Structures are given as structure tokens and as C-alpha cells.
Amino acid sequence: MNSEDCSLTENSSLHVERGQRNNAASSHFATHHEGSLQVPIPCAVVNVVIITVLIIALISLSVGQYNCPVQYISSEPSNSHVSSCPDDWIGYQRKCYFISNITRNWTSAENSCFEHSATLALIDSEKDMIFLKRYVGRAEHWIGLKKEAEQTWKWSNGKEFNNWFNLTGSENCAFLKSTEVSTTKCGKNLHWICSRPFK
């Protein structure tokens, strides 16, 4: 039943009611209060169904915001620092990374990073490790971990390596690939990864 049918039924119901009000002897008049509006049952059902559907839709949308919050984040620019990384560098976890497509020995790779105010990659979290392994794939890439003769492993910034990940091999310079972090001779030519904090 459409809204026009509902209004016609309501109007005819009002006419009937007015006619009954004029007839004081009618028993129907005694059961109705003046000014009350009677809505036919089919219209009431339609109205209840529409309201119920709207309530369910609103609840679904609000629940969706909690289950899939990324879909509802506004597209306004935030205080992100993606632009803080130079072209051809990748921003992640407040760091900028450069992944080379040519090869050099460890020292030359480190010097190349210095030219960009960076060092060979400092990897200090599991998230960074997973991220970089995904990018480098099977190719071996120098990272900023080196051991001088008879000394402990140190990062390019001078911090001692705390052995938070497994380092295989028995040489003095570390490299990363998708499956492991290992060591090889520092004079070997490999790709490399530079890192620096966001500016």
C-alpha cells in the first residue's frame, strides 16, 4: 500500500468518524475520543517496517566503523611525514629508506649513504625487519652492522648490537635478504639499504 492509499484511508476514516460524532446515539461514538486519529493497520505496518529498516541500517554503519575503522578515516591530510623522505626513498615507521639498484662494497655503500645524510640501514624493530625483507627479496643488501677485528658487532651509528635477531655467518659485515641476516666479507659488492630518521 502506498502513501496515497494510506492518506485516502485516513481521510475516509476521518469522514466516517466525523459522521459518527454527529450521531450521538451511535455506540461507536462512545468508544472514540475526540481528536484521536485512527491509522489503518496496513499503513502502520508499512511505517514500522520502514523505521525498523532505518534503525538496522544505522546500527550496521556504526558497528562497521568499529570493525573496519580504516574505511571511515577522513581523507583530510594528517600530520604524516611522507613528504619528509626524498624522491626514490621509502617512508616507514618514521624512517626513510633507500634501496640501491647497483652494487658496491660495504665501505663504499656506507659512504654513499653519508652523502645523503644517512647511514647503512639501522634495523631496531621486528616491524622494520619484516618491512625491509619484503622489499629486498632474495638479493643481498648491506645493512649498517659491522664487526671490527676482535670487537663486538656495532651499528653504523656506534651503538652495540644487542643480538635481538639471529645473525649467521662468520665474516665482518652484515647483509639482509628476504630469508635471513647474514655476514660476508666487507669487500664483496652487494646492493645496500640506507636509512635516516624523518626530518
Protein backbone atom coordinates (compact mmCIF):
# COMPACT_ATOMS: atom_id res chain seq x y z
CA MET A 1 0.00 0.00 0.00
CA ASN A 2 1.49 3.37 -0.97
CA SER A 3 1.31 6.64 0.97
CA GLU A 4 -1.54 7.91 -1.22
CA ASP A 5 -3.63 4.86 -0.29
CA CYS A 6 -2.78 5.48 3.36
CA SER A 7 -3.87 9.14 3.21
CA LEU A 8 -7.10 8.21 1.43
CA THR A 9 -7.87 5.64 4.06
CA GLU A 10 -7.06 8.10 6.82
CA ASN A 11 -9.27 10.80 5.22
CA SER A 12 -12.17 8.43 4.74
CA SER A 13 -11.68 7.21 8.28
CA LEU A 14 -11.84 10.84 9.49
CA HIS A 15 -15.05 11.47 7.50
CA VAL A 16 -16.62 8.38 8.98
CA GLU A 17 -15.54 9.43 12.43
CA ARG A 18 -16.97 12.96 11.97
CA GLY A 19 -20.21 11.46 10.76
CA GLN A 20 -20.35 9.24 13.78
CA ARG A 21 -19.65 12.16 16.11
CA ASN A 22 -22.75 13.87 14.75
CA ASN A 23 -24.79 10.81 15.62
CA ALA A 24 -24.97 10.84 19.43
CA ALA A 25 -26.86 7.58 19.51
CA SER A 26 -24.05 5.66 17.82
CA SER A 27 -22.24 3.22 20.10
CA HIS A 28 -19.10 3.75 18.04
CA PHE A 29 -19.02 7.41 19.16
CA ALA A 30 -18.78 6.39 22.77
CA THR A 31 -15.63 4.35 22.25
CA HIS A 32 -13.61 7.09 20.49
CA HIS A 33 -12.13 10.22 22.00
CA GLU A 34 -12.42 13.50 20.19
CA GLY A 35 -9.26 14.49 18.28
CA SER A 36 -7.85 10.93 18.06
CA LEU A 37 -6.59 9.75 14.69
CA GLN A 38 -7.04 6.19 13.62
CA VAL A 39 -4.39 4.85 11.23
CA PRO A 40 -5.37 1.76 9.31
CA ILE A 41 -3.34 -1.34 10.18
CA PRO A 42 -1.60 -1.75 6.75
CA CYS A 43 -0.19 1.82 6.92
CA ALA A 44 1.02 1.29 10.48
CA VAL A 45 2.80 -1.91 9.41
CA VAL A 46 4.50 -0.12 6.49
CA ASN A 47 5.64 2.68 8.80
CA VAL A 48 7.02 0.23 11.38
CA VAL A 49 8.88 -1.72 8.69
CA ILE A 50 10.47 1.46 7.26
CA ILE A 51 11.54 2.70 10.70
CA THR A 52 12.94 -0.73 11.58
CA VAL A 53 14.97 -0.88 8.36
CA LEU A 54 16.40 2.61 9.03
CA ILE A 55 17.38 1.67 12.59
CA ILE A 56 19.08 -1.53 11.39
CA ALA A 57 20.98 0.44 8.72
CA LEU A 58 22.20 2.97 11.29
CA ILE A 59 23.32 0.22 13.66
CA SER A 60 25.14 -1.57 10.82
CA LEU A 61 27.00 1.58 9.87
CA SER A 62 28.05 2.34 13.43
CA VAL A 63 29.20 -1.25 14.02
CA GLY A 64 31.10 -1.12 10.72
CA GLN A 65 33.11 1.85 11.94
CA TYR A 66 34.50 -0.22 14.81
CA ASN A 67 35.14 -3.37 12.78
CA CYS A 68 36.71 -1.64 9.76
CA PRO A 69 37.94 1.74 11.01
CA VAL A 70 40.30 2.31 8.07
CA GLN A 71 37.34 2.66 5.69
CA TYR A 72 35.94 5.51 7.78
CA ILE A 73 39.10 7.59 8.31
CA SER A 74 38.68 11.01 6.79
CA SER A 75 40.70 11.80 3.72
CA GLU A 76 41.91 15.11 5.11
CA PRO A 77 45.69 15.40 5.24
CA SER A 78 47.11 14.43 8.61
CA ASN A 79 50.43 15.29 10.18
CA SER A 80 52.08 12.49 8.23
CA HIS A 81 55.70 12.88 7.29
CA VAL A 82 55.65 11.01 4.00
CA SER A 83 56.91 14.14 2.26
CA SER A 84 59.90 14.17 4.64
CA CYS A 85 61.60 11.48 2.56
CA PRO A 86 63.46 12.42 -0.64
CA ASP A 87 62.33 11.10 -4.01
CA ASP A 88 63.19 7.42 -4.53
CA TRP A 89 63.20 6.86 -0.75
CA ILE A 90 60.55 4.90 1.13
CA GLY A 91 58.96 6.18 4.34
CA TYR A 92 58.13 3.69 7.10
CA GLN A 93 57.90 3.90 10.92
CA ARG A 94 59.24 7.48 10.96
CA LYS A 95 62.31 6.49 8.93
CA CYS A 96 63.31 6.98 5.32
CA TYR A 97 64.91 4.06 3.47
CA PHE A 98 66.83 3.99 0.20
CA ILE A 99 67.29 0.63 -1.52
CA SER A 100 70.03 0.68 -4.14
CA ASN A 101 69.81 -0.90 -7.58
CA ILE A 102 73.59 -1.08 -8.06
CA THR A 103 76.28 -2.86 -6.05
CA ARG A 104 79.27 -1.67 -4.01
CA ASN A 105 81.44 -2.91 -1.17
CA TRP A 106 80.36 -2.18 2.41
CA THR A 107 82.55 0.94 2.86
CA SER A 108 81.54 2.49 -0.50
CA ALA A 109 77.89 1.77 0.27
CA GLU A 110 78.24 3.45 3.66
CA ASN A 111 79.88 6.49 2.01
CA SER A 112 77.02 6.69 -0.48
CA CYS A 113 74.55 6.81 2.43
CA PHE A 114 76.62 9.54 4.16
CA GLU A 115 76.27 11.68 1.03
CA HIS A 116 72.51 11.68 1.68
CA SER A 117 72.81 12.41 5.44
CA ALA A 118 72.05 8.75 6.16
CA THR A 119 73.82 5.57 7.23
CA LEU A 120 73.60 1.98 6.11
CA ALA A 121 70.29 0.73 7.49
CA LEU A 122 69.81 0.58 11.24
CA ILE A 123 67.19 -2.07 11.97
CA ASP A 124 65.89 -1.75 15.51
CA SER A 125 62.47 -3.42 15.44
CA GLU A 126 60.76 -6.54 14.14
CA LYS A 127 58.39 -4.36 12.06
CA ASP A 128 61.33 -2.69 10.31
CA MET A 129 62.92 -6.09 9.66
CA ILE A 130 59.76 -7.55 8.10
CA PHE A 131 59.24 -4.41 6.01
CA LEU A 132 62.79 -4.43 4.63
CA LYS A 133 62.87 -8.17 3.96
CA ARG A 134 59.73 -7.76 1.86
CA TYR A 135 61.37 -5.02 -0.22
CA VAL A 136 64.78 -6.58 -0.81
CA GLY A 137 63.59 -10.05 -1.78
CA ARG A 138 66.31 -12.63 -2.47
CA ALA A 139 69.03 -10.09 -3.30
CA GLU A 140 71.67 -9.48 -0.63
CA HIS A 141 71.75 -5.88 0.70
CA TRP A 142 74.32 -4.35 3.02
CA ILE A 143 72.96 -3.05 6.33
CA GLY A 144 74.79 -0.90 8.87
CA LEU A 145 76.09 -3.70 11.05
CA LYS A 146 79.83 -4.36 11.16
CA LYS A 147 82.39 -6.00 13.43
CA GLU A 148 85.97 -4.78 13.55
CA ALA A 149 88.64 -7.37 14.33
CA GLU A 150 88.36 -8.69 17.90
CA GLN A 151 85.47 -6.32 18.72
CA THR A 152 81.70 -6.63 19.16
CA TRP A 153 79.13 -6.01 16.43
CA LYS A 154 78.17 -2.35 16.13
CA TRP A 155 75.67 -0.37 14.08
CA SER A 156 76.80 2.47 11.82
CA ASN A 157 75.77 5.00 14.48
CA GLY A 158 78.15 3.39 17.03
CA LYS A 159 75.51 1.53 19.08
CA GLU A 160 76.36 -2.03 20.06
CA PHE A 161 74.24 -4.77 18.51
CA ASN A 162 72.13 -6.37 21.27
CA ASN A 163 71.59 -9.66 19.39
CA TRP A 164 67.83 -9.18 19.10
CA PHE A 165 67.83 -11.16 15.84
CA ASN A 166 69.85 -14.15 14.65
CA LEU A 167 72.98 -13.23 12.69
CA THR A 168 74.52 -16.11 10.71
CA GLY A 169 77.99 -16.41 9.20
CA SER A 170 81.48 -15.66 10.46
CA GLU A 171 82.58 -12.62 8.44
CA ASN A 172 82.68 -8.95 9.49
CA CYS A 173 79.92 -7.17 7.53
CA ALA A 174 76.19 -7.93 7.67
CA PHE A 175 73.69 -8.13 4.85
CA LEU A 176 69.95 -8.66 4.68
CA LYS A 177 67.83 -10.70 2.31
CA SER A 178 64.26 -11.96 2.47
CA THR A 179 65.15 -15.09 4.44
CA GLU A 180 67.89 -14.01 6.85
CA VAL A 181 70.51 -11.59 8.11
CA SER A 182 73.96 -13.00 7.50
CA THR A 183 77.59 -11.92 7.11
CA THR A 184 80.13 -11.87 4.34
CA LYS A 185 83.46 -10.23 3.52
CA CYS A 186 83.20 -6.44 3.57
CA GLY A 187 84.91 -6.13 0.17
CA LYS A 188 82.15 -8.01 -1.64
CA ASN A 189 79.95 -5.94 -3.96
CA LEU A 190 76.29 -6.04 -2.87
CA HIS A 191 73.25 -3.82 -3.09
CA TRP A 192 72.65 -1.74 0.05
CA ILE A 193 70.00 -0.05 2.16
CA CYS A 194 70.40 3.45 3.61
CA SER A 195 68.26 4.74 6.46
CA ARG A 196 67.70 8.03 8.23
CA PRO A 197 65.02 9.43 10.51
CA PHE A 198 62.27 11.68 9.18
CA LYS A 199 63.23 15.34 9.18
